[in-house]
């Protein structure tokens, strides 16, 4: 009789401690995700609040996945995932493409800017010709850690993807910003300026 009560008490303590640890991991992940998401959202057009919200959910889910890996005994992937979570890479890799797609979906109906709306009478093309675009300098990235020396750019500001080995990039001569060739070529057909600093190409 006493053994069954002790066993029951130990089971309750075990389940309660598991629940507390799970909540602590989820809360910790949510806090880290909120901070990372808010910073990322502030630096993009996504916004601080939306970035924080998405980051909180992603952080909580990632923390629970880390806890599950710890319980199942996967030490190497656990350490790598924790390290990438702390430096924000998990958030950026998982959430940024989804946020970018959501932003593009929201703005797809608003293709014209205010300046375009007021220039209805003039048929001036704002973009560059394909011949002009093809004359702009290209570069091939030799490794994924290659950066634009002056600006320390490691990713394309249009698609938010890292520059990988053998990716082709195009450097704008006026400001020296670098983008994936496909991304910047599509932009320059519509706009004749840098998407980051708005300098004319």
N, C-alpha and C. Protein backbone atom coordinates (compact mmCIF):
# COMPACT_ATOMS: atom_id res chain seq x y z
N UNK A 1 0.82 -1.19 0.00
CA UNK A 1 0.00 0.00 0.00
C UNK A 1 0.87 1.26 0.00
N UNK A 2 1.90 1.28 0.84
CA UNK A 2 2.79 2.43 0.93
C UNK A 2 3.61 2.58 -0.36
N UNK A 3 4.00 1.43 -0.95
CA UNK A 3 4.76 1.47 -2.20
C UNK A 3 3.94 2.06 -3.34
N UNK A 4 2.66 1.72 -3.42
CA UNK A 4 1.81 2.25 -4.49
C UNK A 4 1.60 3.76 -4.33
N UNK A 5 1.52 4.24 -3.09
CA UNK A 5 1.37 5.68 -2.86
C UNK A 5 2.66 6.41 -3.24
N UNK A 6 3.80 5.83 -2.93
CA UNK A 6 5.09 6.44 -3.28
C UNK A 6 5.26 6.44 -4.79
N UNK A 7 4.89 5.34 -5.45
CA UNK A 7 4.97 5.25 -6.92
C UNK A 7 4.06 6.29 -7.56
N UNK A 8 2.84 6.44 -7.06
CA UNK A 8 1.89 7.42 -7.57
C UNK A 8 2.45 8.83 -7.38
N UNK A 9 2.99 9.12 -6.21
CA UNK A 9 3.56 10.42 -5.93
C UNK A 9 4.75 10.71 -6.85
N UNK A 10 5.61 9.72 -7.07
CA UNK A 10 6.75 9.90 -7.98
C UNK A 10 6.30 10.13 -9.42
N UNK A 11 5.26 9.44 -9.86
CA UNK A 11 4.71 9.65 -11.21
C UNK A 11 4.17 11.07 -11.36
N UNK A 12 3.46 11.54 -10.33
CA UNK A 12 2.91 12.90 -10.38
C UNK A 12 4.04 13.92 -10.42
N UNK A 13 5.06 13.73 -9.58
CA UNK A 13 6.21 14.64 -9.56
C UNK A 13 6.93 14.61 -10.90
N UNK A 14 7.09 13.43 -11.48
CA UNK A 14 7.76 13.28 -12.78
C UNK A 14 6.98 14.02 -13.87
N UNK A 15 5.66 13.82 -13.93
CA UNK A 15 4.85 14.49 -14.96
C UNK A 15 4.82 15.99 -14.74
N UNK A 16 4.74 16.43 -13.50
CA UNK A 16 4.73 17.85 -13.19
C UNK A 16 6.06 18.50 -13.56
N UNK A 17 7.17 17.83 -13.25
CA UNK A 17 8.48 18.40 -13.61
C UNK A 17 8.67 18.42 -15.12
N UNK A 18 8.18 17.40 -15.82
CA UNK A 18 8.25 17.39 -17.29
C UNK A 18 7.44 18.54 -17.87
N UNK A 19 6.26 18.79 -17.33
CA UNK A 19 5.42 19.89 -17.80
C UNK A 19 6.08 21.24 -17.54
N UNK A 20 6.70 21.39 -16.37
CA UNK A 20 7.37 22.66 -16.03
C UNK A 20 8.56 22.89 -16.96
N UNK A 21 9.35 21.84 -17.19
CA UNK A 21 10.51 21.97 -18.08
C UNK A 21 10.05 22.29 -19.51
N UNK A 22 8.98 21.63 -19.97
CA UNK A 22 8.46 21.90 -21.31
C UNK A 22 8.00 23.35 -21.43
N UNK A 23 7.28 23.83 -20.43
CA UNK A 23 6.83 25.23 -20.44
C UNK A 23 8.01 26.19 -20.40
N UNK A 24 9.03 25.86 -19.62
CA UNK A 24 10.21 26.72 -19.53
C UNK A 24 10.92 26.79 -20.88
N UNK A 25 11.07 25.64 -21.55
CA UNK A 25 11.70 25.62 -22.87
C UNK A 25 10.87 26.43 -23.87
N UNK A 26 9.55 26.22 -23.87
CA UNK A 26 8.69 26.95 -24.80
C UNK A 26 8.74 28.45 -24.53
N UNK A 27 8.70 28.85 -23.26
CA UNK A 27 8.76 30.26 -22.91
C UNK A 27 10.11 30.86 -23.28
N UNK A 28 11.18 30.14 -22.97
CA UNK A 28 12.52 30.63 -23.34
C UNK A 28 12.67 30.78 -24.84
N UNK A 29 12.20 29.78 -25.58
CA UNK A 29 12.25 29.87 -27.04
C UNK A 29 11.41 31.00 -27.58
N UNK A 30 10.24 31.22 -26.96
CA UNK A 30 9.37 32.31 -27.39
C UNK A 30 10.02 33.66 -27.14
N UNK A 31 10.70 33.80 -26.00
CA UNK A 31 11.37 35.07 -25.69
C UNK A 31 12.50 35.33 -26.68
N UNK A 32 13.33 34.32 -26.90
CA UNK A 32 14.44 34.48 -27.86
C UNK A 32 13.89 34.74 -29.25
N UNK A 33 12.85 34.00 -29.65
CA UNK A 33 12.24 34.20 -30.95
C UNK A 33 11.61 35.57 -31.10
N UNK A 34 10.99 36.06 -30.03
CA UNK A 34 10.38 37.40 -30.07
C UNK A 34 11.44 38.47 -30.30
N UNK A 35 12.54 38.36 -29.57
CA UNK A 35 13.60 39.36 -29.72
C UNK A 35 14.21 39.28 -31.12
N UNK A 36 14.53 38.07 -31.56
CA UNK A 36 15.12 37.90 -32.90
C UNK A 36 14.15 38.34 -33.98
N UNK A 37 12.87 37.95 -33.84
CA UNK A 37 11.86 38.35 -34.82
C UNK A 37 11.63 39.84 -34.86
N UNK A 38 11.63 40.49 -33.69
CA UNK A 38 11.44 41.94 -33.65
C UNK A 38 12.60 42.66 -34.32
N UNK A 39 13.82 42.18 -34.07
CA UNK A 39 14.99 42.80 -34.71
C UNK A 39 14.93 42.60 -36.22
N UNK A 40 14.62 41.37 -36.64
CA UNK A 40 14.54 41.09 -38.07
C UNK A 40 13.39 41.86 -38.70
N UNK A 41 12.25 41.91 -38.02
CA UNK A 41 11.10 42.64 -38.55
C UNK A 41 11.36 44.13 -38.65
N UNK A 42 12.12 44.68 -37.71
CA UNK A 42 12.43 46.12 -37.72
C UNK A 42 13.33 46.47 -38.89
N UNK A 43 14.23 45.55 -39.27
CA UNK A 43 15.17 45.84 -40.35
C UNK A 43 14.59 45.53 -41.72
N UNK A 44 13.42 44.93 -41.78
CA UNK A 44 12.76 44.68 -43.06
C UNK A 44 11.44 45.42 -43.08
N UNK A 45 10.72 45.31 -44.17
CA UNK A 45 9.43 45.98 -44.28
C UNK A 45 8.32 45.20 -43.59
N UNK A 46 8.65 44.09 -42.96
CA UNK A 46 7.66 43.28 -42.27
C UNK A 46 7.09 44.00 -41.07
N UNK A 47 7.92 44.67 -40.33
CA UNK A 47 7.49 45.41 -39.16
C UNK A 47 7.85 44.73 -37.87
N UNK A 48 7.99 45.54 -36.84
CA UNK A 48 8.43 45.08 -35.53
C UNK A 48 7.44 44.11 -34.90
N UNK A 49 6.17 44.46 -34.89
CA UNK A 49 5.17 43.65 -34.19
C UNK A 49 4.96 42.30 -34.89
N UNK A 50 4.82 42.33 -36.21
CA UNK A 50 4.62 41.07 -36.95
C UNK A 50 5.85 40.18 -36.84
N UNK A 51 7.03 40.77 -36.94
CA UNK A 51 8.26 39.99 -36.80
C UNK A 51 8.36 39.36 -35.42
N UNK A 52 7.99 40.13 -34.38
CA UNK A 52 8.02 39.60 -33.02
C UNK A 52 7.04 38.46 -32.84
N UNK A 53 5.85 38.59 -33.40
CA UNK A 53 4.83 37.53 -33.29
C UNK A 53 5.26 36.25 -33.97
N UNK A 54 5.74 36.37 -35.19
CA UNK A 54 6.21 35.19 -35.92
C UNK A 54 7.42 34.59 -35.22
N UNK A 55 8.31 35.44 -34.72
CA UNK A 55 9.48 34.97 -34.01
C UNK A 55 9.14 34.22 -32.73
N UNK A 56 8.12 34.71 -32.01
CA UNK A 56 7.71 34.04 -30.77
C UNK A 56 7.21 32.63 -31.05
N UNK A 57 6.38 32.49 -32.07
CA UNK A 57 5.85 31.16 -32.40
C UNK A 57 6.97 30.25 -32.88
N UNK A 58 7.82 30.76 -33.75
CA UNK A 58 8.93 29.96 -34.27
C UNK A 58 9.90 29.57 -33.16
N UNK A 59 10.19 30.50 -32.27
CA UNK A 59 11.09 30.22 -31.16
C UNK A 59 10.55 29.15 -30.23
N UNK A 60 9.24 29.23 -29.92
CA UNK A 60 8.63 28.22 -29.05
C UNK A 60 8.67 26.85 -29.70
N UNK A 61 8.32 26.78 -30.97
CA UNK A 61 8.33 25.49 -31.68
C UNK A 61 9.74 24.93 -31.74
N UNK A 62 10.71 25.78 -32.06
CA UNK A 62 12.10 25.33 -32.14
C UNK A 62 12.60 24.84 -30.79
N UNK A 63 12.24 25.55 -29.72
CA UNK A 63 12.66 25.13 -28.38
C UNK A 63 12.07 23.78 -28.02
N UNK A 64 10.82 23.55 -28.39
CA UNK A 64 10.20 22.26 -28.11
C UNK A 64 10.85 21.15 -28.93
N UNK A 65 11.25 21.47 -30.16
CA UNK A 65 11.96 20.48 -30.97
C UNK A 65 13.32 20.16 -30.36
N UNK A 66 14.01 21.18 -29.84
CA UNK A 66 15.29 20.95 -29.18
C UNK A 66 15.09 20.05 -27.97
N UNK A 67 14.06 20.32 -27.18
CA UNK A 67 13.80 19.50 -26.01
C UNK A 67 13.49 18.05 -26.41
N UNK A 68 12.71 17.89 -27.47
CA UNK A 68 12.40 16.55 -27.95
C UNK A 68 13.67 15.83 -28.39
N UNK A 69 14.57 16.55 -29.07
CA UNK A 69 15.84 15.94 -29.48
C UNK A 69 16.68 15.55 -28.28
N UNK A 70 16.65 16.38 -27.25
CA UNK A 70 17.41 16.06 -26.04
C UNK A 70 16.87 14.79 -25.39
N UNK A 71 15.56 14.66 -25.35
CA UNK A 71 14.94 13.48 -24.74
C UNK A 71 15.27 12.23 -25.55
N UNK A 72 15.29 12.37 -26.88
CA UNK A 72 15.57 11.22 -27.75
C UNK A 72 17.06 10.98 -27.95
N UNK A 73 17.91 11.83 -27.39
CA UNK A 73 19.35 11.60 -27.40
C UNK A 73 20.02 11.85 -28.72
N UNK A 74 19.81 13.00 -29.32
CA UNK A 74 20.49 13.38 -30.55
C UNK A 74 21.44 14.53 -30.23
N UNK A 75 22.64 14.26 -29.73
CA UNK A 75 23.49 15.33 -29.19
C UNK A 75 24.05 16.28 -30.23
N UNK A 76 24.48 15.80 -31.40
CA UNK A 76 25.14 16.70 -32.35
C UNK A 76 24.16 17.66 -32.99
N UNK A 77 23.02 17.16 -33.43
CA UNK A 77 22.05 18.06 -34.04
C UNK A 77 21.47 19.00 -33.00
N UNK A 78 21.38 18.55 -31.75
CA UNK A 78 20.86 19.40 -30.67
C UNK A 78 21.77 20.62 -30.48
N UNK A 79 23.06 20.39 -30.41
CA UNK A 79 24.01 21.48 -30.21
C UNK A 79 23.98 22.43 -31.40
N UNK A 80 23.96 21.88 -32.60
CA UNK A 80 23.93 22.72 -33.80
C UNK A 80 22.66 23.56 -33.85
N UNK A 81 21.53 22.94 -33.52
CA UNK A 81 20.27 23.67 -33.55
C UNK A 81 20.24 24.75 -32.48
N UNK A 82 20.74 24.46 -31.30
CA UNK A 82 20.79 25.47 -30.24
C UNK A 82 21.68 26.63 -30.66
N UNK A 83 22.84 26.32 -31.23
CA UNK A 83 23.76 27.37 -31.66
C UNK A 83 23.12 28.24 -32.74
N UNK A 84 22.49 27.61 -33.73
CA UNK A 84 21.88 28.38 -34.80
C UNK A 84 20.65 29.15 -34.32
N UNK A 85 19.96 28.63 -33.30
CA UNK A 85 18.83 29.36 -32.72
C UNK A 85 19.32 30.62 -32.03
N UNK A 86 20.42 30.50 -31.27
CA UNK A 86 20.93 31.65 -30.54
C UNK A 86 21.49 32.72 -31.46
N UNK A 87 22.05 32.34 -32.60
CA UNK A 87 22.56 33.37 -33.49
C UNK A 87 21.52 33.82 -34.53
N UNK A 88 20.29 33.31 -34.43
CA UNK A 88 19.19 33.80 -35.27
C UNK A 88 19.08 33.13 -36.62
N UNK A 89 19.98 32.21 -36.94
CA UNK A 89 19.97 31.60 -38.26
C UNK A 89 18.72 30.76 -38.51
N UNK A 90 18.25 30.04 -37.50
CA UNK A 90 17.04 29.23 -37.67
C UNK A 90 15.87 30.12 -38.03
N UNK A 91 15.73 31.22 -37.30
CA UNK A 91 14.64 32.14 -37.58
C UNK A 91 14.73 32.68 -38.99
N UNK A 92 15.90 33.12 -39.38
CA UNK A 92 16.07 33.71 -40.70
C UNK A 92 15.80 32.69 -41.79
N UNK A 93 16.32 31.46 -41.65
CA UNK A 93 16.15 30.45 -42.69
C UNK A 93 14.72 29.95 -42.79
N UNK A 94 14.03 29.80 -41.65
CA UNK A 94 12.69 29.24 -41.67
C UNK A 94 11.62 30.28 -41.92
N UNK A 95 11.79 31.46 -41.35
CA UNK A 95 10.69 32.41 -41.33
C UNK A 95 10.80 33.47 -42.42
N UNK A 96 12.01 33.91 -42.75
CA UNK A 96 12.14 35.00 -43.71
C UNK A 96 11.48 34.71 -45.05
N UNK A 97 11.68 33.52 -45.65
CA UNK A 97 11.00 33.27 -46.92
C UNK A 97 9.47 33.33 -46.79
N UNK A 98 8.94 32.82 -45.68
CA UNK A 98 7.50 32.87 -45.48
C UNK A 98 7.01 34.30 -45.31
N UNK A 99 7.77 35.10 -44.56
CA UNK A 99 7.39 36.48 -44.36
C UNK A 99 7.49 37.26 -45.66
N UNK A 100 8.52 36.98 -46.45
CA UNK A 100 8.68 37.66 -47.72
C UNK A 100 7.52 37.33 -48.65
N UNK A 101 7.15 36.05 -48.70
CA UNK A 101 6.02 35.65 -49.54
C UNK A 101 4.73 36.34 -49.09
N UNK A 102 4.52 36.40 -47.77
CA UNK A 102 3.32 37.06 -47.26
C UNK A 102 3.32 38.54 -47.62
N UNK A 103 4.47 39.18 -47.51
CA UNK A 103 4.57 40.60 -47.86
C UNK A 103 4.32 40.79 -49.35
N UNK A 104 4.93 39.93 -50.18
CA UNK A 104 4.72 40.05 -51.62
C UNK A 104 3.26 39.82 -51.98
N UNK A 105 2.61 38.90 -51.30
CA UNK A 105 1.20 38.63 -51.56
C UNK A 105 0.35 39.85 -51.20
N UNK A 106 0.68 40.49 -50.08
CA UNK A 106 -0.08 41.66 -49.65
C UNK A 106 0.09 42.83 -50.59
N UNK A 107 1.27 43.00 -51.12
CA UNK A 107 1.54 44.16 -51.96
C UNK A 107 1.37 43.88 -53.45
N UNK A 108 1.04 42.66 -53.83
CA UNK A 108 0.98 42.34 -55.26
C UNK A 108 -0.11 43.14 -55.97
N UNK A 109 -1.17 43.51 -55.26
CA UNK A 109 -2.23 44.30 -55.87
C UNK A 109 -1.87 45.76 -56.01
N UNK A 110 -0.79 46.18 -55.39
CA UNK A 110 -0.40 47.59 -55.42
C UNK A 110 0.91 47.75 -56.17
N UNK A 111 0.90 47.44 -57.43
CA UNK A 111 2.12 47.45 -58.22
C UNK A 111 2.62 48.86 -58.51
N UNK A 112 1.74 49.84 -58.54
CA UNK A 112 2.17 51.19 -58.89
C UNK A 112 2.41 52.00 -57.63
N UNK A 113 3.44 52.78 -57.66
CA UNK A 113 3.74 53.65 -56.53
C UNK A 113 3.00 54.96 -56.72
N UNK A 114 3.01 55.82 -55.71
CA UNK A 114 2.34 57.11 -55.81
C UNK A 114 2.91 57.95 -56.93
N UNK A 115 4.24 57.91 -57.09
CA UNK A 115 4.83 58.72 -58.16
C UNK A 115 4.38 58.23 -59.53
N UNK A 116 4.18 56.92 -59.67
CA UNK A 116 3.67 56.38 -60.94
C UNK A 116 2.23 56.83 -61.17
N UNK A 117 1.45 56.90 -60.11
CA UNK A 117 0.05 57.28 -60.25
C UNK A 117 -0.08 58.73 -60.70
N UNK A 118 0.82 59.60 -60.27
CA UNK A 118 0.73 61.01 -60.64
C UNK A 118 1.36 61.30 -62.00
N UNK A 119 2.13 60.36 -62.53
CA UNK A 119 2.74 60.52 -63.85
C UNK A 119 1.97 59.75 -64.91
N UNK A 120 0.66 59.76 -64.84
CA UNK A 120 -0.16 58.99 -65.78
C UNK A 120 0.01 59.49 -67.20
N UNK A 121 0.14 60.81 -67.38
CA UNK A 121 0.22 61.38 -68.71
C UNK A 121 1.55 61.10 -69.40
N UNK A 122 2.62 61.02 -68.63
CA UNK A 122 3.92 60.81 -69.25
C UNK A 122 4.18 59.32 -69.43
N UNK A 123 4.68 58.96 -70.58
CA UNK A 123 4.96 57.56 -70.90
C UNK A 123 6.45 57.28 -70.72
N UNK A 124 7.04 57.83 -69.68
CA UNK A 124 8.46 57.64 -69.43
C UNK A 124 8.69 56.28 -68.78
N UNK A 125 9.61 55.52 -69.33
CA UNK A 125 9.95 54.23 -68.74
C UNK A 125 10.91 54.47 -67.58
N UNK A 126 10.59 53.92 -66.43
CA UNK A 126 11.42 54.12 -65.25
C UNK A 126 12.54 53.09 -65.17
N UNK A 127 12.40 51.97 -65.84
CA UNK A 127 13.40 50.91 -65.76
C UNK A 127 14.51 51.08 -66.78
N UNK A 128 15.44 50.16 -66.75
CA UNK A 128 16.56 50.15 -67.69
C UNK A 128 16.29 49.14 -68.80
N UNK A 129 16.92 49.35 -69.94
CA UNK A 129 16.78 48.40 -71.03
C UNK A 129 17.59 47.14 -70.71
N UNK A 130 17.22 46.04 -71.35
CA UNK A 130 17.93 44.78 -71.11
C UNK A 130 19.39 44.88 -71.51
N UNK A 131 19.69 45.63 -72.58
CA UNK A 131 21.08 45.80 -73.00
C UNK A 131 21.90 46.53 -71.94
N UNK A 132 21.30 47.56 -71.35
CA UNK A 132 22.00 48.30 -70.30
C UNK A 132 22.23 47.42 -69.07
N UNK A 133 21.23 46.64 -68.72
CA UNK A 133 21.34 45.76 -67.56
C UNK A 133 22.45 44.73 -67.77
N UNK A 134 22.53 44.17 -68.97
CA UNK A 134 23.54 43.14 -69.26
C UNK A 134 24.96 43.70 -69.23
N UNK A 135 25.11 45.01 -69.38
CA UNK A 135 26.44 45.63 -69.33
C UNK A 135 26.94 45.85 -67.90
N UNK A 136 26.06 45.74 -66.93
CA UNK A 136 26.46 45.93 -65.53
C UNK A 136 27.36 44.77 -65.09
N UNK A 137 28.33 45.04 -64.22
CA UNK A 137 29.29 43.99 -63.85
C UNK A 137 28.65 42.84 -63.07
N UNK A 138 29.14 41.63 -63.39
CA UNK A 138 28.71 40.41 -62.70
C UNK A 138 29.87 39.88 -61.89
N UNK A 139 29.56 39.07 -60.90
CA UNK A 139 30.60 38.35 -60.17
C UNK A 139 30.05 37.00 -59.75
N UNK A 140 30.94 36.02 -59.67
CA UNK A 140 30.58 34.68 -59.23
C UNK A 140 31.17 34.49 -57.84
N UNK A 141 30.34 34.07 -56.90
CA UNK A 141 30.81 33.89 -55.53
C UNK A 141 31.57 32.58 -55.44
N UNK A 142 32.78 32.66 -54.92
CA UNK A 142 33.65 31.49 -54.84
C UNK A 142 33.34 30.61 -53.64
N UNK A 143 32.75 31.19 -52.59
CA UNK A 143 32.34 30.40 -51.43
C UNK A 143 31.16 31.09 -50.79
N UNK A 144 30.45 30.36 -49.91
CA UNK A 144 29.26 30.92 -49.28
C UNK A 144 29.63 31.99 -48.26
N UNK A 145 30.90 32.07 -47.86
CA UNK A 145 31.30 33.08 -46.88
C UNK A 145 31.82 34.35 -47.56
N UNK A 146 31.84 34.38 -48.91
CA UNK A 146 32.32 35.55 -49.62
C UNK A 146 31.35 36.71 -49.39
N UNK A 147 31.90 37.84 -49.10
CA UNK A 147 31.07 39.02 -48.88
C UNK A 147 31.53 40.14 -49.78
N UNK A 148 30.67 41.13 -49.92
CA UNK A 148 31.05 42.36 -50.58
C UNK A 148 31.93 43.10 -49.58
N UNK A 149 33.19 43.28 -49.89
CA UNK A 149 34.20 43.73 -48.93
C UNK A 149 33.81 45.00 -48.18
N UNK A 150 33.32 46.00 -48.89
CA UNK A 150 33.05 47.28 -48.25
C UNK A 150 31.79 47.25 -47.40
N UNK A 151 30.79 46.53 -47.80
CA UNK A 151 29.51 46.58 -47.12
C UNK A 151 29.23 45.35 -46.27
N UNK A 152 30.07 44.33 -46.34
CA UNK A 152 29.90 43.11 -45.56
C UNK A 152 28.54 42.44 -45.84
N UNK A 153 28.16 42.41 -47.12
CA UNK A 153 26.89 41.81 -47.50
C UNK A 153 27.09 40.31 -47.72
N UNK A 154 26.28 39.51 -47.05
CA UNK A 154 26.36 38.07 -47.23
C UNK A 154 25.11 37.51 -47.85
N UNK A 155 24.10 38.37 -48.07
CA UNK A 155 22.88 37.88 -48.69
C UNK A 155 22.30 38.94 -49.61
N UNK A 156 21.40 38.49 -50.46
CA UNK A 156 20.73 39.35 -51.42
C UNK A 156 19.58 40.05 -50.69
N UNK A 157 19.56 41.37 -50.76
CA UNK A 157 18.53 42.14 -50.05
C UNK A 157 17.16 42.00 -50.70
N UNK A 158 17.08 41.47 -51.91
CA UNK A 158 15.79 41.32 -52.57
C UNK A 158 15.12 40.02 -52.15
N UNK A 159 15.83 38.89 -52.28
CA UNK A 159 15.23 37.59 -51.94
C UNK A 159 15.59 37.12 -50.53
N UNK A 160 16.52 37.82 -49.87
CA UNK A 160 16.95 37.52 -48.49
C UNK A 160 17.68 36.19 -48.36
N UNK A 161 18.13 35.62 -49.46
CA UNK A 161 18.88 34.36 -49.41
C UNK A 161 20.37 34.66 -49.38
N UNK A 162 21.12 33.81 -48.67
CA UNK A 162 22.57 33.96 -48.61
C UNK A 162 23.19 33.72 -49.98
N UNK A 163 24.30 34.41 -50.24
CA UNK A 163 25.06 34.15 -51.45
C UNK A 163 25.79 32.83 -51.24
N UNK A 164 25.55 31.87 -52.10
CA UNK A 164 26.17 30.55 -52.01
C UNK A 164 27.28 30.44 -53.06
N UNK A 165 28.09 29.41 -52.90
CA UNK A 165 29.18 29.15 -53.84
C UNK A 165 28.60 28.97 -55.24
N UNK A 166 29.23 29.62 -56.22
CA UNK A 166 28.87 29.57 -57.63
C UNK A 166 27.62 30.39 -57.98
N UNK A 167 27.03 31.12 -57.01
CA UNK A 167 25.93 32.03 -57.33
C UNK A 167 26.48 33.20 -58.14
N UNK A 168 25.67 33.67 -59.10
CA UNK A 168 26.06 34.85 -59.86
C UNK A 168 25.44 36.08 -59.22
N UNK A 169 26.25 37.08 -59.00
CA UNK A 169 25.77 38.33 -58.43
C UNK A 169 26.06 39.48 -59.38
N UNK A 170 25.24 40.52 -59.25
CA UNK A 170 25.47 41.72 -60.06
C UNK A 170 25.71 42.88 -59.11
N UNK A 171 26.82 43.59 -59.34
CA UNK A 171 27.18 44.73 -58.49
C UNK A 171 26.79 46.01 -59.20
N UNK A 172 26.04 46.86 -58.52
CA UNK A 172 25.63 48.13 -59.10
C UNK A 172 26.79 49.12 -58.99
N UNK A 173 27.17 49.74 -60.10
CA UNK A 173 28.39 50.57 -60.09
C UNK A 173 28.26 51.84 -59.24
N UNK A 174 27.08 52.39 -59.12
CA UNK A 174 26.94 53.66 -58.40
C UNK A 174 27.07 53.51 -56.89
N UNK A 175 26.62 52.38 -56.34
CA UNK A 175 26.63 52.22 -54.88
C UNK A 175 27.36 50.97 -54.42
N UNK A 176 27.70 50.09 -55.36
CA UNK A 176 28.43 48.84 -55.09
C UNK A 176 27.63 47.81 -54.30
N UNK A 177 26.30 47.95 -54.23
CA UNK A 177 25.48 46.91 -53.61
C UNK A 177 25.42 45.72 -54.55
N UNK A 178 25.38 44.51 -53.96
CA UNK A 178 25.41 43.28 -54.75
C UNK A 178 24.12 42.50 -54.52
N UNK A 179 23.56 41.96 -55.61
CA UNK A 179 22.32 41.18 -55.56
C UNK A 179 22.48 39.97 -56.47
N UNK A 180 21.60 38.96 -56.30
CA UNK A 180 21.56 37.87 -57.27
C UNK A 180 21.20 38.46 -58.63
N UNK A 181 21.78 37.92 -59.69
CA UNK A 181 21.55 38.44 -61.04
C UNK A 181 20.06 38.42 -61.38
N UNK A 182 19.40 37.30 -61.13
CA UNK A 182 17.98 37.18 -61.46
C UNK A 182 17.14 38.22 -60.70
N UNK A 183 17.44 38.39 -59.43
CA UNK A 183 16.67 39.32 -58.60
C UNK A 183 16.83 40.76 -59.07
N UNK A 184 18.06 41.20 -59.25
CA UNK A 184 18.30 42.61 -59.59
C UNK A 184 17.89 42.91 -61.03
N UNK A 185 18.04 41.93 -61.93
CA UNK A 185 17.62 42.17 -63.31
C UNK A 185 16.13 42.43 -63.40
N UNK A 186 15.33 41.65 -62.66
CA UNK A 186 13.89 41.87 -62.65
C UNK A 186 13.56 43.24 -62.07
N UNK A 187 14.29 43.63 -61.03
CA UNK A 187 14.05 44.94 -60.41
C UNK A 187 14.41 46.07 -61.38
N UNK A 188 15.57 45.97 -62.04
CA UNK A 188 16.04 47.05 -62.89
C UNK A 188 15.20 47.23 -64.15
N UNK A 189 14.49 46.20 -64.55
CA UNK A 189 13.58 46.36 -65.69
C UNK A 189 12.44 47.32 -65.31
N UNK A 190 12.04 47.30 -64.03
CA UNK A 190 10.94 48.16 -63.57
C UNK A 190 11.43 49.50 -63.02
N UNK A 191 12.57 49.46 -62.32
CA UNK A 191 13.10 50.66 -61.66
C UNK A 191 14.58 50.81 -62.02
N UNK A 192 15.00 52.00 -62.32
CA UNK A 192 16.39 52.25 -62.69
C UNK A 192 17.26 52.66 -61.53
N UNK A 193 16.88 52.25 -60.31
CA UNK A 193 17.65 52.64 -59.13
C UNK A 193 17.91 51.42 -58.25
N UNK A 194 18.85 51.58 -57.33
CA UNK A 194 19.19 50.51 -56.39
C UNK A 194 18.02 50.30 -55.42
N UNK A 195 17.61 49.05 -55.19
CA UNK A 195 16.50 48.82 -54.27
C UNK A 195 16.84 49.11 -52.81
N UNK A 196 18.13 49.24 -52.49
CA UNK A 196 18.50 49.51 -51.10
C UNK A 196 18.67 51.01 -50.82
N UNK A 197 19.46 51.69 -51.63
CA UNK A 197 19.76 53.10 -51.35
C UNK A 197 19.07 54.06 -52.30
N UNK A 198 18.41 53.55 -53.34
CA UNK A 198 17.65 54.34 -54.31
C UNK A 198 18.51 55.23 -55.21
N UNK A 199 19.82 55.00 -55.24
CA UNK A 199 20.66 55.75 -56.17
C UNK A 199 20.38 55.28 -57.59
N UNK A 200 20.41 56.21 -58.53
CA UNK A 200 20.23 55.85 -59.93
C UNK A 200 21.41 55.00 -60.39
N UNK A 201 21.10 53.97 -61.18
CA UNK A 201 22.14 53.09 -61.69
C UNK A 201 22.79 53.76 -62.88
